[in-house]
Protein backbone atom coordinates (compact mmCIF):
# COMPACT_ATOMS: atom_id res chain seq x y z
CA MET A 1 74.36 -57.26 -118.53
CA ILE A 2 77.50 -59.41 -119.30
CA ASP A 3 80.93 -57.56 -119.76
CA LEU A 4 82.75 -60.17 -121.99
CA PRO A 5 86.66 -59.40 -121.78
CA HIS A 6 88.39 -58.05 -125.73
CA PHE A 7 89.59 -59.71 -128.49
CA TYR A 8 91.95 -57.81 -131.02
CA GLY A 9 92.75 -60.45 -132.51
CA LYS A 10 96.17 -61.96 -133.62
CA GLU A 11 98.40 -61.25 -131.34
CA ASN A 12 99.25 -64.96 -129.76
CA VAL A 13 97.80 -67.64 -129.68
CA GLU A 14 97.62 -68.16 -125.84
CA LYS A 15 96.16 -64.76 -125.28
CA TYR A 16 92.92 -66.56 -127.77
CA LEU A 17 92.99 -69.37 -125.86
CA ASP A 18 92.48 -67.21 -122.80
CA TRP A 19 89.81 -64.78 -124.00
CA GLU A 20 88.33 -67.97 -125.14
CA MET A 21 88.13 -69.43 -121.85
CA LYS A 22 86.52 -66.74 -119.64
CA VAL A 23 83.94 -65.84 -122.15
CA GLU A 24 83.07 -69.93 -121.82
CA LYS A 25 83.02 -69.24 -117.52
CA LEU A 26 80.87 -65.74 -118.38
CA PHE A 27 78.84 -67.97 -120.23
CA ALA A 28 78.52 -69.64 -117.97
CA CYS A 29 78.03 -68.75 -114.91
CA HIS A 30 75.81 -66.02 -116.70
CA HIS A 31 73.12 -68.41 -117.81
CA VAL A 32 73.71 -67.26 -121.36
CA MET A 33 71.39 -69.11 -123.86
CA GLU A 34 72.67 -70.23 -126.88
CA GLU A 35 71.06 -67.20 -129.79
CA ARG A 36 73.01 -64.71 -127.54
CA LYS A 37 76.36 -66.18 -127.07
CA VAL A 38 77.47 -65.19 -130.90
CA PRO A 39 75.79 -61.69 -130.42
CA LEU A 40 77.64 -61.08 -127.12
CA ALA A 41 80.45 -62.59 -127.73
CA THR A 42 81.65 -60.53 -131.34
CA LEU A 43 80.89 -57.29 -129.17
CA SER A 44 84.06 -57.95 -127.99
CA PHE A 45 85.77 -58.18 -130.79
CA GLN A 46 88.00 -54.71 -131.14
CA GLY A 47 90.67 -53.03 -133.67
CA ASN A 48 91.41 -55.96 -136.77
CA VAL A 49 89.29 -58.89 -135.46
CA VAL A 50 85.99 -57.02 -136.36
CA TYR A 51 87.45 -56.45 -139.85
CA TRP A 52 87.75 -60.18 -140.23
CA TRP A 53 84.46 -60.12 -138.69
CA THR A 54 82.66 -57.95 -140.61
CA ALA A 55 84.75 -59.42 -143.94
CA LEU A 56 83.73 -62.55 -142.55
CA GLU A 57 79.85 -62.28 -142.60
CA ARG A 58 79.93 -60.58 -146.41
CA GLU A 59 81.53 -63.52 -147.57
CA ARG A 60 79.04 -65.79 -146.00
CA GLY A 61 75.80 -63.82 -147.29
CA LEU A 62 77.70 -63.50 -150.77
CA HIS A 63 78.27 -67.45 -151.10
CA LYS A 64 74.60 -67.66 -149.19
CA ASP A 65 76.03 -69.57 -146.27
CA PRO A 66 74.37 -69.03 -143.13
CA PRO A 67 75.01 -66.88 -140.76
CA ILE A 68 77.51 -67.98 -137.63
CA GLU A 69 74.81 -68.73 -134.82
CA TYR A 70 76.13 -70.33 -132.56
CA TRP A 71 79.13 -70.31 -130.26
CA ASN A 72 80.43 -73.36 -130.86
CA ASP A 73 80.60 -72.57 -135.20
CA LEU A 74 81.32 -69.37 -133.89
CA ARG A 75 84.82 -70.84 -131.80
CA ARG A 76 85.22 -73.29 -135.04
CA VAL A 77 85.78 -70.46 -137.34
CA LEU A 78 88.36 -68.19 -134.58
CA ARG A 79 90.57 -71.22 -133.81
CA ARG A 80 90.61 -72.09 -137.51
CA HIS A 81 92.15 -67.77 -137.91
CA HIS A 82 93.97 -67.18 -134.80
CA ILE A 83 95.07 -70.76 -134.01
CA PRO A 84 98.25 -71.70 -136.16
CA SER A 85 97.94 -75.33 -137.91
CA TYR A 86 101.19 -76.38 -136.38
CA TYR A 87 99.97 -75.62 -133.00
CA ASN A 88 98.96 -78.74 -131.49
CA ARG A 89 101.83 -80.60 -132.81
CA GLU A 90 104.40 -78.11 -130.74
CA LEU A 91 102.46 -78.50 -127.80
CA MET A 92 102.63 -81.92 -128.31
CA ASP A 93 106.64 -81.51 -128.70
CA LYS A 94 106.85 -79.49 -125.87
CA LEU A 95 105.25 -82.91 -123.78
């Protein structure tokens, strides 16, 4: 079994991006099939992000939205939640 690093939620943007990169590298290294990526990634959630994920799944079900089944979709939702909209602007300003 693959051992992914824990993710605790809104600590800071860099910690989220670091977690995301490590997870992607582990998926590639272990040749994880697409249908296993979301369940494995969400198992690494700890603390507040577990409650956020549970609420998101429930809300999607109530609105009859399809469940998140693909890593790219999960990544998109995580980025929207954990990376502030101004982050890219700040990065560009620093460059």
